[in-house]
Amino acid sequence: MLPSRLITFFIIICATLTAFSQQVVRIAVTRSSEAIRLQSSRMEIHNIDSVKIDGGSEFRIGLGKSGIAIDGRDSGEQVLRVLSADRIKLGNRDFRGELELRMVAGSNGDEILVVHPLPLESYVAGIVAAEVPQSFHKEALKAQAIVARTYAMWQKYRRLDAPYHLDSSVLDQVYKGVNSEHSAADQAAKETEGLTLTYQGKVVPAYFHSACGDHTESSLAAFGEKQGYLPGVPCGFCKGSIAHDWKLNLSKHELSQRLSSLVKGAVKKVSVATRSPSGRAERIDVVASGGTKRISANDFRRLVGYVKIRSTWITGISESGGQFHFTGKGFGHGVGMCQWGANGMAQKGHAYDQIIQKYYPGTQIRNMY
């Protein structure tokens, strides 16, 4: 018979592993100062103490004087839970089971923050479905599942005391709810369940992007933070992406408007001032009628538009006929796994662990539960 101290220790370990295997993540799916509409076959609204307040198939949720308003009636509650055995429709997205409504302070007054709690593995499958095409090779989908799970766990333990762990947009990882689900994403999550990326024994922010354009960027150059597992590596597998090479024509008038918060007057000339070791732009000089200003390439891309300037790897800038002409490579910040590169590797016969080792050298894949 085991000593009582060992039995107690064994119980604690088992309880810890059980809790770890039942991880839940909390996803911020929207926030609004305007009323929102929830629809389902049948819903119940409870307060923080699990007391039922209302029930029905459709609710208009807004802001009251002292709390969240339900169909124009002030509940006096700052937090409400919406429960359903079916899907809950919010805008053009469906969510399964539960939504949490919180009255929070926004930049322009109070807002309704909608948080969706769900099992981590369900979230991982949703990320795979939303982030990469269903047609991707299964090994690329499995690699995406591992890095999505890793990033989610890293964010969760940074934000344990926050109202939510991750945003559902590109601010973290794109999550579209039930609508984007498909069997290939479910299978990728199931076959990699619990597998998580670590570096020197710690869960890491496993950044990823759409296409690198042949070479990923270092975390130091992109974010100003040196990470040994994100040095920037040659790729050569993402030529299948339509964003491997891109072009943009933008009128001088529109560019001047988009940069107006940083430069004054009409933009006359744009040029890359400095580049990172991978070739991406770091600083950009903008000559305008109100003076010349050097700005970061990240700010330039943000102001012009992340979809228009698809990456900071700007290979050429010219102007003619009242327009600026940009050429570039890749889509996204370029750090970590290149999603189209992962698919290219998988199509060449590489397994998910080989894909991950290429883009995150020196890391280990560990089964966390």
Protein backbone atom coordinates (compact mmCIF):
# COMPACT_ATOMS: atom_id res chain seq x y z
CA MET A 1 0.00 0.00 0.00
CA LEU A 2 1.32 3.47 -0.88
CA PRO A 3 2.20 5.91 1.92
CA SER A 4 -0.52 8.54 2.52
CA ARG A 5 1.73 11.36 1.30
CA LEU A 6 2.26 9.61 -2.04
CA ILE A 7 -1.46 8.94 -2.37
CA THR A 8 -2.21 12.63 -1.75
CA PHE A 9 0.45 13.62 -4.29
CA PHE A 10 -1.00 11.19 -6.84
CA ILE A 11 -4.52 12.63 -6.36
CA ILE A 12 -3.21 16.17 -6.85
CA ILE A 13 -1.38 15.18 -10.05
CA CYS A 14 -4.45 13.39 -11.44
CA ALA A 15 -6.68 16.35 -10.62
CA THR A 16 -4.23 18.72 -12.27
CA LEU A 17 -4.03 16.63 -15.44
CA THR A 18 -7.82 16.32 -15.57
CA ALA A 19 -8.22 20.08 -15.24
CA PHE A 20 -5.57 20.65 -17.88
CA SER A 21 -7.34 18.30 -20.29
CA GLN A 22 -10.57 20.27 -19.87
CA GLN A 23 -9.13 23.61 -20.82
CA VAL A 24 -11.54 26.33 -21.83
CA VAL A 25 -10.61 29.51 -23.69
CA ARG A 26 -12.62 32.71 -23.67
CA ILE A 27 -12.88 34.47 -27.03
CA ALA A 28 -13.97 38.09 -27.52
CA VAL A 29 -16.24 37.83 -30.56
CA THR A 30 -17.50 41.42 -30.72
CA ARG A 31 -17.93 44.66 -28.81
CA SER A 32 -20.45 47.34 -29.61
CA SER A 33 -21.98 50.51 -28.24
CA GLU A 34 -25.04 49.80 -30.42
CA ALA A 35 -27.69 47.20 -29.69
CA ILE A 36 -27.00 43.65 -30.86
CA ARG A 37 -29.45 40.88 -31.72
CA LEU A 38 -29.21 37.26 -30.54
CA GLN A 39 -31.27 34.45 -32.11
CA SER A 40 -31.63 30.74 -31.36
CA SER A 41 -34.29 28.05 -31.19
CA ARG A 42 -34.43 28.64 -27.43
CA MET A 43 -32.20 30.66 -25.08
CA GLU A 44 -32.06 31.42 -21.41
CA ILE A 45 -30.41 34.50 -19.91
CA HIS A 46 -28.88 34.14 -16.45
CA ASN A 47 -27.11 36.59 -14.17
CA ILE A 48 -23.68 36.00 -12.65
CA ASP A 49 -25.29 33.98 -9.84
CA SER A 50 -26.94 31.62 -12.36
CA VAL A 51 -30.41 33.01 -11.66
CA LYS A 52 -32.62 32.89 -14.77
CA ILE A 53 -33.74 36.35 -15.87
CA ASP A 54 -35.40 35.70 -19.23
CA GLY A 55 -36.01 33.10 -21.92
CA GLY A 56 -36.95 33.15 -25.58
CA SER A 57 -35.74 32.70 -29.16
CA GLU A 58 -34.66 36.28 -29.92
CA PHE A 59 -33.31 39.14 -27.82
CA ARG A 60 -32.22 42.69 -28.49
CA ILE A 61 -29.30 43.46 -26.19
CA GLY A 62 -28.30 47.06 -25.49
CA LEU A 63 -27.05 49.46 -22.86
CA GLY A 64 -29.24 50.52 -19.95
CA LYS A 65 -28.63 53.21 -17.35
CA SER A 66 -27.41 50.79 -14.70
CA GLY A 67 -26.64 47.63 -16.65
CA ILE A 68 -27.30 45.55 -19.75
CA ALA A 69 -30.74 46.07 -21.28
CA ILE A 70 -32.77 43.12 -22.60
CA ASP A 71 -35.34 44.17 -25.20
CA GLY A 72 -35.22 47.70 -23.79
CA ARG A 73 -35.55 46.65 -20.14
CA ASP A 74 -32.59 47.52 -17.92
CA SER A 75 -31.50 44.34 -16.13
CA GLY A 76 -29.27 46.21 -13.69
CA GLU A 77 -26.64 43.52 -14.32
CA GLN A 78 -23.12 44.18 -15.60
CA VAL A 79 -22.60 40.55 -16.65
CA LEU A 80 -25.09 38.11 -18.19
CA ARG A 81 -24.81 34.56 -19.53
CA VAL A 82 -26.82 33.42 -22.57
CA LEU A 83 -27.29 29.65 -22.73
CA SER A 84 -28.74 27.45 -25.45
CA ALA A 85 -28.78 23.78 -26.41
CA ASP A 86 -28.57 24.97 -30.02
CA ARG A 87 -26.54 27.53 -31.95
CA ILE A 88 -26.75 31.18 -31.00
CA LYS A 89 -26.70 33.57 -33.95
CA LEU A 90 -24.91 36.89 -33.53
CA GLY A 91 -24.77 38.93 -36.73
CA ASN A 92 -23.52 36.62 -39.49
CA ARG A 93 -21.82 34.17 -37.10
CA ASP A 94 -23.17 31.25 -35.08
CA PHE A 95 -21.76 30.15 -31.74
CA ARG A 96 -22.42 26.94 -29.89
CA GLY A 97 -23.82 26.73 -26.37
CA GLU A 98 -22.97 29.92 -24.51
CA LEU A 99 -22.21 33.61 -24.83
CA GLU A 100 -21.26 35.96 -22.03
CA LEU A 101 -22.35 39.60 -22.18
CA ARG A 102 -20.33 42.20 -20.29
CA MET A 103 -20.90 45.93 -19.89
CA VAL A 104 -17.43 47.47 -20.20
CA ALA A 105 -15.88 50.90 -20.64
CA GLY A 106 -14.90 51.69 -24.22
CA SER A 107 -12.94 54.54 -25.76
CA ASN A 108 -16.17 56.48 -26.41
CA GLY A 109 -18.31 55.31 -23.51
CA ASP A 110 -19.84 52.04 -22.37
CA GLU A 111 -19.94 49.03 -24.69
CA ILE A 112 -21.31 45.50 -24.74
CA LEU A 113 -18.45 42.98 -24.87
CA VAL A 114 -19.52 39.53 -26.08
CA VAL A 115 -17.30 36.64 -24.96
CA HIS A 116 -17.63 33.04 -26.14
CA PRO A 117 -16.26 30.37 -23.77
CA LEU A 118 -15.49 27.06 -25.48
CA PRO A 119 -13.22 24.00 -25.14
CA LEU A 120 -9.69 24.63 -26.37
CA GLU A 121 -9.78 21.80 -28.91
CA SER A 122 -13.02 23.10 -30.43
CA TYR A 123 -11.36 26.50 -30.71
CA VAL A 124 -8.28 24.97 -32.38
CA ALA A 125 -10.45 23.26 -35.00
CA GLY A 126 -12.22 26.58 -35.59
CA ILE A 127 -8.92 28.40 -36.08
CA VAL A 128 -7.68 25.83 -38.59
CA ALA A 129 -10.96 26.15 -40.50
CA ALA A 130 -10.85 29.96 -40.53
CA GLU A 131 -7.13 30.56 -41.05
CA VAL A 132 -6.22 28.27 -43.96
CA PRO A 133 -8.06 26.85 -47.01
CA GLN A 134 -9.81 23.50 -46.58
CA SER A 135 -7.88 22.27 -49.63
CA PHE A 136 -4.55 22.43 -47.78
CA HIS A 137 -2.68 19.16 -47.27
CA LYS A 138 -3.53 17.37 -44.00
CA GLU A 139 0.04 17.73 -42.69
CA ALA A 140 -0.15 21.51 -43.17
CA LEU A 141 -3.51 21.53 -41.34
CA LYS A 142 -1.95 19.57 -38.47
CA ALA A 143 0.94 22.02 -38.26
CA GLN A 144 -1.58 24.87 -38.17
CA ALA A 145 -3.48 23.12 -35.37
CA ILE A 146 -0.34 22.85 -33.24
CA VAL A 147 0.72 26.48 -33.65
CA ALA A 148 -2.86 27.70 -33.10
CA ARG A 149 -3.13 25.67 -29.89
CA THR A 150 0.27 26.93 -28.76
CA TYR A 151 -0.57 30.57 -29.37
CA ALA A 152 -3.92 30.16 -27.59
CA MET A 153 -2.32 28.61 -24.50
CA TRP A 154 0.36 31.30 -24.40
CA GLN A 155 -2.23 34.06 -24.56
CA LYS A 156 -4.53 32.40 -22.05
CA TYR A 157 -1.92 32.31 -19.32
CA ARG A 158 -0.94 35.89 -20.01
CA ARG A 159 -4.56 37.01 -19.63
CA LEU A 160 -5.92 34.77 -16.88
CA ASP A 161 -7.38 37.72 -14.99
CA ALA A 162 -8.77 39.49 -18.07
CA PRO A 163 -12.41 39.23 -19.26
CA TYR A 164 -11.22 37.20 -22.26
CA HIS A 165 -8.11 35.37 -23.43
CA LEU A 166 -8.10 35.98 -27.18
CA ASP A 167 -9.69 38.24 -29.76
CA SER A 168 -11.50 36.60 -32.69
CA SER A 169 -9.81 38.85 -35.28
CA VAL A 170 -6.31 39.14 -36.74
CA LEU A 171 -5.33 40.85 -33.48
CA ASP A 172 -4.89 37.26 -32.26
CA GLN A 173 -6.26 34.46 -34.44
CA VAL A 174 -9.26 34.56 -36.77
CA TYR A 175 -12.21 32.64 -35.29
CA LYS A 176 -15.51 32.62 -37.18
CA GLY A 177 -17.61 30.39 -34.94
CA VAL A 178 -19.57 27.38 -36.15
CA ASN A 179 -20.00 28.73 -39.68
CA SER A 180 -16.51 27.91 -40.92
CA GLU A 181 -16.22 24.42 -39.40
CA HIS A 182 -15.32 21.45 -41.60
CA SER A 183 -14.25 17.84 -41.08
CA ALA A 184 -10.63 18.30 -42.24
CA ALA A 185 -10.04 20.97 -39.57
CA ASP A 186 -11.75 18.80 -36.93
CA GLN A 187 -9.50 15.88 -37.89
CA ALA A 188 -6.34 18.01 -37.73
CA ALA A 189 -7.22 19.13 -34.21
CA LYS A 190 -8.12 15.59 -33.13
CA GLU A 191 -4.92 14.02 -34.50
CA THR A 192 -2.73 16.60 -32.73
CA GLU A 193 -4.77 16.92 -29.53
CA GLY A 194 -2.65 18.35 -26.72
CA LEU A 195 0.46 18.82 -28.89
CA THR A 196 2.03 22.17 -28.09
CA LEU A 197 5.18 23.99 -29.15
CA THR A 198 7.79 24.81 -26.48
CA TYR A 199 11.19 26.47 -26.46
CA GLN A 200 13.57 25.88 -23.59
CA GLY A 201 10.72 24.27 -21.68
CA LYS A 202 8.21 27.11 -22.09
CA VAL A 203 5.09 27.53 -24.21
CA VAL A 204 5.83 30.24 -26.77
CA PRO A 205 3.88 32.70 -28.92
CA ALA A 206 3.82 30.66 -32.13
CA TYR A 207 3.34 33.47 -34.63
CA PHE A 208 2.28 32.63 -38.18
CA HIS A 209 1.29 34.45 -41.36
CA SER A 210 -0.14 33.77 -44.80
CA ALA A 211 2.88 33.88 -47.11
CA CYS A 212 6.47 34.97 -46.51
CA GLY A 213 7.57 35.48 -50.12
CA ASP A 214 10.56 33.08 -49.80
CA HIS A 215 12.09 34.14 -46.45
CA THR A 216 10.47 34.62 -43.05
CA GLU A 217 11.24 37.63 -40.86
CA SER A 218 12.97 37.55 -37.49
CA SER A 219 10.98 38.52 -34.41
CA LEU A 220 13.69 41.09 -33.67
CA ALA A 221 13.22 42.89 -36.98
CA ALA A 222 9.41 42.65 -36.94
CA PHE A 223 8.58 43.21 -33.28
CA GLY A 224 11.81 44.42 -31.67
CA GLU A 225 11.99 41.25 -29.54
CA LYS A 226 14.73 38.69 -30.09
CA GLN A 227 13.45 35.11 -29.84
CA GLY A 228 15.91 32.30 -30.50
CA TYR A 229 13.30 30.16 -32.27
CA LEU A 230 12.26 33.00 -34.63
CA PRO A 231 15.49 34.00 -36.40
CA GLY A 232 13.96 34.28 -39.87
CA VAL A 233 14.58 31.34 -42.22
CA PRO A 234 14.61 30.64 -45.97
CA CYS A 235 11.32 29.21 -47.20
CA GLY A 236 10.98 28.63 -50.92
CA PHE A 237 7.69 26.71 -50.63
CA CYS A 238 5.02 29.44 -50.78
CA LYS A 239 4.96 30.18 -54.51
CA GLY A 240 1.43 28.75 -54.64
CA SER A 241 0.10 31.84 -52.87
CA ILE A 242 -1.36 34.61 -55.01
CA ALA A 243 0.37 37.00 -52.60
CA HIS A 244 3.85 35.56 -53.18
CA ASP A 245 4.26 38.55 -55.50
CA TRP A 246 1.84 41.47 -55.41
CA LYS A 247 1.23 44.86 -57.02
CA LEU A 248 -0.68 47.94 -55.91
CA ASN A 249 -1.56 51.10 -57.82
CA LEU A 250 -2.71 53.95 -55.60
CA SER A 251 -3.54 57.51 -56.56
CA LYS A 252 -1.45 60.27 -55.01
CA HIS A 253 -4.63 61.80 -53.62
CA GLU A 254 -5.68 58.59 -51.83
CA LEU A 255 -2.18 57.96 -50.46
CA SER A 256 -2.05 61.53 -49.15
CA GLN A 257 -5.37 61.01 -47.37
CA ARG A 258 -4.35 57.69 -45.86
CA LEU A 259 -1.07 59.13 -44.52
CA SER A 260 -2.57 62.43 -43.34
CA SER A 261 -2.24 61.57 -39.65
CA LEU A 262 1.55 61.38 -40.02
CA VAL A 263 2.46 63.61 -42.97
CA LYS A 264 1.01 66.96 -44.00
CA GLY A 265 -0.01 67.96 -47.48
CA ALA A 266 0.13 66.15 -50.80
CA VAL A 267 2.52 63.21 -51.00
CA LYS A 268 5.07 63.71 -53.77
CA LYS A 269 7.56 60.87 -53.28
CA VAL A 270 7.84 57.61 -51.32
CA SER A 271 11.01 55.54 -50.92
CA VAL A 272 12.37 52.77 -48.71
CA ALA A 273 15.01 54.24 -46.39
CA THR A 274 16.21 51.14 -44.50
CA ARG A 275 15.66 47.41 -44.79
CA SER A 276 15.92 44.43 -42.43
CA PRO A 277 18.34 41.56 -43.14
CA SER A 278 15.53 39.64 -44.90
CA GLY A 279 14.98 42.56 -47.30
CA ARG A 280 11.77 43.91 -45.81
CA ALA A 281 11.34 47.65 -45.41
CA GLU A 282 12.00 49.00 -41.92
CA ARG A 283 11.71 52.76 -42.50
CA ILE A 284 10.06 54.67 -45.31
CA ASP A 285 10.70 58.26 -46.34
CA VAL A 286 7.63 60.20 -47.39
CA VAL A 287 8.15 63.55 -49.15
CA ALA A 288 5.03 65.75 -48.97
CA SER A 289 4.23 69.39 -49.63
CA GLY A 290 4.27 69.95 -45.86
CA GLY A 291 7.73 68.42 -45.38
CA THR A 292 9.57 65.11 -45.35
CA LYS A 293 8.99 62.47 -42.71
CA ARG A 294 10.57 59.08 -42.05
CA ILE A 295 8.04 56.58 -40.71
CA SER A 296 8.16 52.91 -39.80
CA ALA A 297 7.16 50.47 -42.52
CA ASN A 298 4.66 48.91 -40.10
CA ASP A 299 2.93 52.28 -39.64
CA PHE A 300 2.98 52.85 -43.39
CA ARG A 301 1.32 49.47 -44.00
CA ARG A 302 -1.24 50.01 -41.23
CA LEU A 303 -2.29 53.42 -42.56
CA VAL A 304 -2.43 52.44 -46.24
CA GLY A 305 -4.20 49.17 -45.36
CA TYR A 306 -3.03 45.68 -44.50
CA VAL A 307 -4.77 44.20 -47.54
CA LYS A 308 -3.47 46.87 -49.93
CA ILE A 309 0.16 46.79 -48.75
CA ARG A 310 0.23 43.06 -48.09
CA SER A 311 3.59 43.01 -46.34
CA THR A 312 6.52 45.29 -45.55
CA TRP A 313 8.56 43.41 -48.14
CA ILE A 314 8.16 46.22 -50.64
CA THR A 315 10.41 45.47 -53.61
CA GLY A 316 9.72 48.57 -55.69
CA ILE A 317 8.06 52.00 -55.63
CA SER A 318 7.54 54.22 -58.67
CA GLU A 319 5.11 56.94 -59.73
CA SER A 320 3.52 58.04 -62.97
CA GLY A 321 0.29 59.61 -64.17
CA GLY A 322 -0.79 60.74 -60.72
CA GLN A 323 -0.35 57.27 -59.21
CA PHE A 324 2.15 55.44 -57.04
CA HIS A 325 3.01 51.88 -58.11
CA PHE A 326 4.10 49.39 -55.43
CA THR A 327 5.42 45.87 -55.87
CA GLY A 328 6.11 43.45 -53.07
CA LYS A 329 6.33 39.89 -51.78
CA GLY A 330 4.37 37.96 -49.18
CA PHE A 331 1.29 38.57 -47.06
CA GLY A 332 1.47 39.32 -43.34
CA HIS A 333 4.19 40.19 -40.83
CA GLY A 334 6.39 37.32 -42.03
CA VAL A 335 7.24 35.94 -38.57
CA GLY A 336 7.00 32.22 -37.75
CA MET A 337 5.19 29.69 -39.89
CA CYS A 338 4.40 30.60 -43.47
CA GLN A 339 1.00 28.98 -44.04
CA TRP A 340 1.39 28.63 -47.79
CA GLY A 341 4.95 27.45 -47.24
CA ALA A 342 3.68 24.80 -44.83
CA ASN A 343 1.28 23.58 -47.50
CA GLY A 344 4.05 23.57 -50.09
CA MET A 345 6.25 21.51 -47.77
CA ALA A 346 3.42 19.07 -47.06
CA GLN A 347 2.81 18.59 -50.78
CA LYS A 348 6.51 17.69 -51.13
CA GLY A 349 6.13 14.94 -48.54
CA HIS A 350 7.14 16.72 -45.32
CA ALA A 351 5.29 15.80 -42.11
CA TYR A 352 3.85 18.35 -39.65
CA ASP A 353 6.81 18.07 -37.25
CA GLN A 354 9.29 18.77 -40.07
CA ILE A 355 7.25 21.81 -41.08
CA ILE A 356 7.30 23.15 -37.55
CA GLN A 357 11.04 22.55 -37.13
CA LYS A 358 11.71 24.54 -40.29
CA TYR A 359 9.83 27.65 -39.20
CA TYR A 360 10.53 27.41 -35.45
CA PRO A 361 14.08 25.98 -35.23
CA GLY A 362 15.14 24.70 -31.83
CA THR A 363 11.59 24.12 -30.53
CA GLN A 364 10.09 20.92 -29.19
CA ILE A 365 6.58 19.53 -29.66
CA ARG A 366 5.22 18.28 -26.35
CA ASN A 367 1.98 16.60 -25.39
CA MET A 368 0.58 18.91 -22.70
CA TYR A 369 -2.47 16.77 -21.86
